[in-house]
């Protein structure tokens, strides 16, 4: 089984030449980034398995790089402190730079926990049912945006709160007050909450590290 039902598409993809005939520079110029959907939480496992299979199955000259773009974030902890962690830019996906042909397609599709390539669904020529997915490379602009986000040096504050959540204030002039979140401004590391002050609901702006979510 090939990754496309149309031999003409395959010929266009491989340009009619065996990949081993290309120089390393030519391969890098012709290679493209593709997105592959994987089972939830299995991104690192897929990356490790694929990197091992690349050497074992002798396709290292066509599968050039496997990446899970991540960006640093500050996650607010229950003790009021912030912890820097790495968050996946696109959970459930792995990016692969490669020169795609039938053999490479088979290597990736047969890697445990790989679901499918991201691409366009091709209709079946005969019969009913869903067609196959033709892998579509990411555009240079998409690739630039993804890796630019992953390379951000300053961690972004992230908090597990949204409008409607109940909170308790840990510090500041409203310490020990309780209220309800009405707005979250992640880019400013702040939220707005309604606190009962003098018997009236009053909107107050607070820093993420000043509050704690009430479960």
C-alpha atoms as a PDB file:
ATOM      1  CA  UNK A   1       0.000   0.000   0.000  1.00  0.00           C
ATOM      2  CA  UNK A   2       1.298   3.424  -0.928  1.00  0.00           C
ATOM      3  CA  UNK A   3       0.512   6.714   0.778  1.00  0.00           C
ATOM      4  CA  UNK A   4      -1.314   7.835  -2.353  1.00  0.00           C
ATOM      5  CA  UNK A   5      -3.612   5.990  -4.733  1.00  0.00           C
ATOM      6  CA  UNK A   6      -2.254   7.954  -7.658  1.00  0.00           C
ATOM      7  CA  UNK A   7       1.145   6.895  -9.003  1.00  0.00           C
ATOM      8  CA  UNK A   8       1.448  10.254 -10.728  1.00  0.00           C
ATOM      9  CA  UNK A   9       1.318  12.005  -7.338  1.00  0.00           C
ATOM     10  CA  UNK A  10       4.072   9.722  -6.090  1.00  0.00           C
ATOM     11  CA  UNK A  11       6.201  10.453  -9.129  1.00  0.00           C
ATOM     12  CA  UNK A  12       5.803  14.179  -8.589  1.00  0.00           C
ATOM     13  CA  UNK A  13       6.683  13.850  -4.909  1.00  0.00           C
ATOM     14  CA  UNK A  14       9.884  11.904  -5.535  1.00  0.00           C
ATOM     15  CA  UNK A  15      10.701  13.701  -8.818  1.00  0.00           C
ATOM     16  CA  UNK A  16      11.263  10.350 -10.490  1.00  0.00           C
ATOM     17  CA  UNK A  17      14.654   9.785  -8.858  1.00  0.00           C
ATOM     18  CA  UNK A  18      15.712   7.461  -6.066  1.00  0.00           C
ATOM     19  CA  UNK A  19      16.375   9.470  -2.932  1.00  0.00           C
ATOM     20  CA  UNK A  20      19.780   7.834  -2.455  1.00  0.00           C
ATOM     21  CA  UNK A  21      20.933   9.511  -5.674  1.00  0.00           C
ATOM     22  CA  UNK A  22      20.532  12.950  -4.081  1.00  0.00           C
ATOM     23  CA  UNK A  23      23.304  14.737  -2.225  1.00  0.00           C
ATOM     24  CA  UNK A  24      22.854  15.731   1.426  1.00  0.00           C
ATOM     25  CA  UNK A  25      22.439  19.374   0.392  1.00  0.00           C
ATOM     26  CA  UNK A  26      19.814  18.476  -2.210  1.00  0.00           C
ATOM     27  CA  UNK A  27      17.873  16.422   0.336  1.00  0.00           C
ATOM     28  CA  UNK A  28      17.850  19.269   2.841  1.00  0.00           C
ATOM     29  CA  UNK A  29      16.618  21.700   0.186  1.00  0.00           C
ATOM     30  CA  UNK A  30      13.864  19.356  -0.989  1.00  0.00           C
ATOM     31  CA  UNK A  31      12.791  18.223   2.487  1.00  0.00           C
ATOM     32  CA  UNK A  32       9.641  19.661   4.047  1.00  0.00           C
ATOM     33  CA  UNK A  33       8.070  19.765   7.490  1.00  0.00           C
ATOM     34  CA  UNK A  34       4.959  17.636   8.041  1.00  0.00           C
ATOM     35  CA  UNK A  35       2.641  17.384  11.029  1.00  0.00           C
ATOM     36  CA  UNK A  36       1.688  13.933  12.302  1.00  0.00           C
ATOM     37  CA  UNK A  37      -1.183  13.327  14.707  1.00  0.00           C
ATOM     38  CA  UNK A  38      -0.356  10.962  17.576  1.00  0.00           C
ATOM     39  CA  UNK A  39      -2.197   9.473  20.542  1.00  0.00           C
ATOM     40  CA  UNK A  40      -2.758  11.933  23.378  1.00  0.00           C
ATOM     41  CA  UNK A  41       0.190  12.099  25.757  1.00  0.00           C
ATOM     42  CA  UNK A  42       2.385   9.943  23.506  1.00  0.00           C
ATOM     43  CA  UNK A  43       4.328  12.703  21.734  1.00  0.00           C
ATOM     44  CA  UNK A  44       7.695  11.966  23.384  1.00  0.00           C
ATOM     45  CA  UNK A  45       7.218   8.216  23.047  1.00  0.00           C
ATOM     46  CA  UNK A  46       6.551   8.584  19.309  1.00  0.00           C
ATOM     47  CA  UNK A  47       9.575  10.843  18.873  1.00  0.00           C
ATOM     48  CA  UNK A  48      11.851   8.341  20.648  1.00  0.00           C
ATOM     49  CA  UNK A  49      10.461   5.330  18.756  1.00  0.00           C
ATOM     50  CA  UNK A  50      10.688   7.100  15.420  1.00  0.00           C
ATOM     51  CA  UNK A  51      14.278   8.222  15.995  1.00  0.00           C
ATOM     52  CA  UNK A  52      15.215   4.615  16.800  1.00  0.00           C
ATOM     53  CA  UNK A  53      13.377   3.257  13.752  1.00  0.00           C
ATOM     54  CA  UNK A  54      15.037   5.797  11.448  1.00  0.00           C
ATOM     55  CA  UNK A  55      18.444   4.210  12.030  1.00  0.00           C
ATOM     56  CA  UNK A  56      17.223   0.627  12.118  1.00  0.00           C
ATOM     57  CA  UNK A  57      15.223   0.909   8.882  1.00  0.00           C
ATOM     58  CA  UNK A  58      17.892   2.930   7.032  1.00  0.00           C
ATOM     59  CA  UNK A  59      15.842   6.053   6.283  1.00  0.00           C
ATOM     60  CA  UNK A  60      18.033   8.578   8.114  1.00  0.00           C
ATOM     61  CA  UNK A  61      18.812  10.196   4.765  1.00  0.00           C
ATOM     62  CA  UNK A  62      15.113  11.058   4.328  1.00  0.00           C
ATOM     63  CA  UNK A  63      13.745  11.548   7.838  1.00  0.00           C
ATOM     64  CA  UNK A  64      15.979  14.387   8.954  1.00  0.00           C
ATOM     65  CA  UNK A  65      14.447  15.759  12.140  1.00  0.00           C
ATOM     66  CA  UNK A  66      11.652  14.989  14.628  1.00  0.00           C
ATOM     67  CA  UNK A  67      10.469  17.794  16.887  1.00  0.00           C
ATOM     68  CA  UNK A  68       7.869  18.446  19.596  1.00  0.00           C
ATOM     69  CA  UNK A  69       7.774  22.267  19.774  1.00  0.00           C
ATOM     70  CA  UNK A  70       7.482  23.463  23.376  1.00  0.00           C
ATOM     71  CA  UNK A  71       7.382  26.880  24.981  1.00  0.00           C
ATOM     72  CA  UNK A  72       8.192  27.870  28.585  1.00  0.00           C
ATOM     73  CA  UNK A  73       5.330  28.888  30.848  1.00  0.00           C
ATOM     74  CA  UNK A  74       5.005  29.819  34.512  1.00  0.00           C
ATOM     75  CA  UNK A  75       2.366  27.728  36.227  1.00  0.00           C
ATOM     76  CA  UNK A  76       0.898  28.993  39.460  1.00  0.00           C
ATOM     77  CA  UNK A  77       1.169  26.472  42.298  1.00  0.00           C
ATOM     78  CA  UNK A  78      -1.095  25.990  45.301  1.00  0.00           C
ATOM     79  CA  UNK A  79       1.635  27.308  47.603  1.00  0.00           C
ATOM     80  CA  UNK A  80       1.460  30.652  45.795  1.00  0.00           C
ATOM     81  CA  UNK A  81       4.763  30.178  43.925  1.00  0.00           C
ATOM     82  CA  UNK A  82       5.303  29.964  40.188  1.00  0.00           C
ATOM     83  CA  UNK A  83       7.001  26.969  38.581  1.00  0.00           C
ATOM     84  CA  UNK A  84       8.508  27.120  35.105  1.00  0.00           C
ATOM     85  CA  UNK A  85       7.516  24.171  32.921  1.00  0.00           C
ATOM     86  CA  UNK A  86       7.599  23.350  29.214  1.00  0.00           C
ATOM     87  CA  UNK A  87       4.223  23.277  27.460  1.00  0.00           C
ATOM     88  CA  UNK A  88       3.669  21.685  24.061  1.00  0.00           C
ATOM     89  CA  UNK A  89       2.747  24.217  21.388  1.00  0.00           C
ATOM     90  CA  UNK A  90       0.491  21.664  19.640  1.00  0.00           C
ATOM     91  CA  UNK A  91      -0.450  18.813  21.992  1.00  0.00           C
ATOM     92  CA  UNK A  92      -1.174  15.590  20.121  1.00  0.00           C
ATOM     93  CA  UNK A  93       1.138  16.372  17.188  1.00  0.00           C
ATOM     94  CA  UNK A  94       4.748  15.719  16.236  1.00  0.00           C
ATOM     95  CA  UNK A  95       6.566  17.649  13.494  1.00  0.00           C
ATOM     96  CA  UNK A  96       8.826  15.753  11.118  1.00  0.00           C
ATOM     97  CA  UNK A  97      11.207  17.178   8.529  1.00  0.00           C
ATOM     98  CA  UNK A  98      11.590  14.690   5.722  1.00  0.00           C
ATOM     99  CA  UNK A  99      11.718  13.808   2.082  1.00  0.00           C
ATOM    100  CA  UNK A 100       8.485  11.857   1.752  1.00  0.00           C
ATOM    101  CA  UNK A 101       8.154   8.693  -0.303  1.00  0.00           C
ATOM    102  CA  UNK A 102       6.359   5.357   0.132  1.00  0.00           C
ATOM    103  CA  UNK A 103       9.041   3.823   2.339  1.00  0.00           C
ATOM    104  CA  UNK A 104       9.168   6.838   4.647  1.00  0.00           C
ATOM    105  CA  UNK A 105       5.356   6.937   4.772  1.00  0.00           C
ATOM    106  CA  UNK A 106       5.297   3.282   5.863  1.00  0.00           C
ATOM    107  CA  UNK A 107       7.951   3.831   8.539  1.00  0.00           C
ATOM    108  CA  UNK A 108       5.988   6.678  10.105  1.00  0.00           C
ATOM    109  CA  UNK A 109       2.512   5.159   9.767  1.00  0.00           C
ATOM    110  CA  UNK A 110       3.709   1.897  11.369  1.00  0.00           C
ATOM    111  CA  UNK A 111       5.283   3.655  14.353  1.00  0.00           C
ATOM    112  CA  UNK A 112       3.288   2.825  17.513  1.00  0.00           C
ATOM    113  CA  UNK A 113       0.818   5.543  18.641  1.00  0.00           C
ATOM    114  CA  UNK A 114       0.903   7.370  15.289  1.00  0.00           C
ATOM    115  CA  UNK A 115      -2.654   8.121  14.129  1.00  0.00           C
ATOM    116  CA  UNK A 116      -2.226   9.827  10.769  1.00  0.00           C
ATOM    117  CA  UNK A 117      -0.581  12.570   8.793  1.00  0.00           C
ATOM    118  CA  UNK A 118      -2.152  15.996   8.658  1.00  0.00           C
ATOM    119  CA  UNK A 119      -3.259  16.575   5.089  1.00  0.00           C
ATOM    120  CA  UNK A 120      -6.158  16.493   2.698  1.00  0.00           C
ATOM    121  CA  UNK A 121      -8.571  13.597   2.608  1.00  0.00           C
ATOM    122  CA  UNK A 122      -8.776  12.005  -0.822  1.00  0.00           C
ATOM    123  CA  UNK A 123     -12.081  10.466  -1.882  1.00  0.00           C
ATOM    124  CA  UNK A 124     -12.159   6.780  -2.684  1.00  0.00           C
ATOM    125  CA  UNK A 125     -12.258   6.030  -6.396  1.00  0.00           C
ATOM    126  CA  UNK A 126     -14.568   3.091  -5.904  1.00  0.00           C
ATOM    127  CA  UNK A 127     -17.042   2.013  -3.245  1.00  0.00           C
ATOM    128  CA  UNK A 128     -18.047   3.761  -0.084  1.00  0.00           C
ATOM    129  CA  UNK A 129     -16.271   4.842   3.047  1.00  0.00           C
ATOM    130  CA  UNK A 130     -13.649   7.398   3.878  1.00  0.00           C
ATOM    131  CA  UNK A 131     -10.725   7.888   1.575  1.00  0.00           C
ATOM    132  CA  UNK A 132      -7.072   8.130   2.581  1.00  0.00           C
ATOM    133  CA  UNK A 133      -5.265  11.221   3.839  1.00  0.00           C
ATOM    134  CA  UNK A 134      -2.668  12.665   1.504  1.00  0.00           C
ATOM    135  CA  UNK A 135       0.103  14.233   3.632  1.00  0.00           C
ATOM    136  CA  UNK A 136       0.445  17.966   3.051  1.00  0.00           C
ATOM    137  CA  UNK A 137       3.651  19.797   4.012  1.00  0.00           C
ATOM    138  CA  UNK A 138       3.486  22.830   6.271  1.00  0.00           C
ATOM    139  CA  UNK A 139       4.062  26.169   4.612  1.00  0.00           C
ATOM    140  CA  UNK A 140       7.292  28.066   5.419  1.00  0.00           C
ATOM    141  CA  UNK A 141       5.187  30.683   7.208  1.00  0.00           C
ATOM    142  CA  UNK A 142       3.567  28.056   9.447  1.00  0.00           C
ATOM    143  CA  UNK A 143       6.950  26.549  10.284  1.00  0.00           C
ATOM    144  CA  UNK A 144       8.394  29.970  11.160  1.00  0.00           C
ATOM    145  CA  UNK A 145       5.472  30.806  13.458  1.00  0.00           C
ATOM    146  CA  UNK A 146       5.613  27.453  15.254  1.00  0.00           C
ATOM    147  CA  UNK A 147       9.330  27.524  15.984  1.00  0.00           C
ATOM    148  CA  UNK A 148       9.373  31.233  16.770  1.00  0.00           C
ATOM    149  CA  UNK A 149       6.792  30.586  19.476  1.00  0.00           C
ATOM    150  CA  UNK A 150       8.776  27.622  20.754  1.00  0.00           C
ATOM    151  CA  UNK A 151      11.948  29.718  20.976  1.00  0.00           C
ATOM    152  CA  UNK A 152      10.449  32.450  23.152  1.00  0.00           C
ATOM    153  CA  UNK A 153      12.885  33.099  25.960  1.00  0.00           C
ATOM    154  CA  UNK A 154      10.548  34.763  28.456  1.00  0.00           C
ATOM    155  CA  UNK A 155       8.146  32.236  30.005  1.00  0.00           C
ATOM    156  CA  UNK A 156       4.481  33.160  29.757  1.00  0.00           C
ATOM    157  CA  UNK A 157       2.400  33.082  32.915  1.00  0.00           C
ATOM    158  CA  UNK A 158      -0.346  30.477  32.828  1.00  0.00           C
ATOM    159  CA  UNK A 159      -3.036  29.909  35.381  1.00  0.00           C
ATOM    160  CA  UNK A 160      -5.681  27.232  35.565  1.00  0.00           C
ATOM    161  CA  UNK A 161      -8.568  29.640  36.033  1.00  0.00           C
ATOM    162  CA  UNK A 162     -11.394  30.992  33.946  1.00  0.00           C
ATOM    163  CA  UNK A 163     -14.470  33.160  34.318  1.00  0.00           C
ATOM    164  CA  UNK A 164     -16.869  31.685  36.856  1.00  0.00           C
ATOM    165  CA  UNK A 165     -14.224  30.034  39.052  1.00  0.00           C
ATOM    166  CA  UNK A 166     -14.300  30.719  42.790  1.00  0.00           C
ATOM    167  CA  UNK A 167     -11.105  32.119  44.312  1.00  0.00           C
ATOM    168  CA  UNK A 168      -9.560  33.053  47.622  1.00  0.00           C
ATOM    169  CA  UNK A 169      -7.180  36.016  47.907  1.00  0.00           C
ATOM    170  CA  UNK A 170      -3.834  35.047  49.463  1.00  0.00           C
ATOM    171  CA  UNK A 171      -2.109  38.418  49.812  1.00  0.00           C
ATOM    172  CA  UNK A 172      -2.523  42.155  49.427  1.00  0.00           C
ATOM    173  CA  UNK A 173      -5.213  44.488  50.800  1.00  0.00           C
ATOM    174  CA  UNK A 174      -7.963  41.945  50.048  1.00  0.00           C
ATOM    175  CA  UNK A 175      -6.263  38.981  51.750  1.00  0.00           C
ATOM    176  CA  UNK A 176      -8.744  36.308  52.921  1.00  0.00           C
ATOM    177  CA  UNK A 177     -11.522  37.677  50.727  1.00  0.00           C
ATOM    178  CA  UNK A 178     -13.315  35.220  48.486  1.00  0.00           C
ATOM    179  CA  UNK A 179     -14.884  35.958  45.132  1.00  0.00           C
ATOM    180  CA  UNK A 180     -15.598  34.906  41.569  1.00  0.00           C
ATOM    181  CA  UNK A 181     -13.392  35.346  38.492  1.00  0.00           C
ATOM    182  CA  UNK A 182     -14.993  37.466  35.772  1.00  0.00           C
ATOM    183  CA  UNK A 183     -12.015  37.952  33.434  1.00  0.00           C
ATOM    184  CA  UNK A 184      -8.515  36.484  32.923  1.00  0.00           C
ATOM    185  CA  UNK A 185      -5.762  38.496  31.226  1.00  0.00           C
ATOM    186  CA  UNK A 186      -2.943  35.986  30.753  1.00  0.00           C
ATOM    187  CA  UNK A 187      -0.742  38.375  28.788  1.00  0.00           C
ATOM    188  CA  UNK A 188      -0.719  40.750  31.779  1.00  0.00           C
ATOM    189  CA  UNK A 189      -0.525  38.050  34.471  1.00  0.00           C
ATOM    190  CA  UNK A 190      -3.704  39.413  36.025  1.00  0.00           C
ATOM    191  CA  UNK A 191      -7.345  38.576  36.505  1.00  0.00           C
ATOM    192  CA  UNK A 192     -10.443  40.478  37.509  1.00  0.00           C
ATOM    193  CA  UNK A 193     -12.740  39.116  40.199  1.00  0.00           C
ATOM    194  CA  UNK A 194     -15.901  40.153  41.990  1.00  0.00           C
ATOM    195  CA  UNK A 195     -15.266  40.475  45.720  1.00  0.00           C
ATOM    196  CA  UNK A 196     -17.897  41.256  48.309  1.00  0.00           C
ATOM    197  CA  UNK A 197     -16.701  44.539  49.840  1.00  0.00           C
ATOM    198  CA  UNK A 198     -18.970  46.280  52.343  1.00  0.00           C
ATOM    199  CA  UNK A 199     -21.763  43.990  51.262  1.00  0.00           C
ATOM    200  CA  UNK A 200     -21.457  44.902  47.591  1.00  0.00           C
ATOM    201  CA  UNK A 201     -19.936  42.933  44.705  1.00  0.00           C
ATOM    202  CA  UNK A 202     -16.966  44.979  43.575  1.00  0.00           C
ATOM    203  CA  UNK A 203     -14.691  44.187  40.584  1.00  0.00           C
ATOM    204  CA  UNK A 204     -11.048  44.047  41.678  1.00  0.00           C
ATOM    205  CA  UNK A 205      -7.923  43.425  39.587  1.00  0.00           C
ATOM    206  CA  UNK A 206      -5.485  40.947  41.117  1.00  0.00           C
ATOM    207  CA  UNK A 207      -2.137  39.380  40.232  1.00  0.00           C
ATOM    208  CA  UNK A 208      -2.146  35.652  39.494  1.00  0.00           C
ATOM    209  CA  UNK A 209       0.146  35.003  42.452  1.00  0.00           C
ATOM    210  CA  UNK A 210      -2.290  36.763  44.814  1.00  0.00           C
ATOM    211  CA  UNK A 211      -5.084  34.239  44.400  1.00  0.00           C
ATOM    212  CA  UNK A 212      -5.869  30.574  44.785  1.00  0.00           C
ATOM    213  CA  UNK A 213      -8.637  28.621  43.118  1.00  0.00           C
ATOM    214  CA  UNK A 214     -11.255  27.133  45.412  1.00  0.00           C
ATOM    215  CA  UNK A 215     -12.174  23.620  44.298  1.00  0.00           C
END
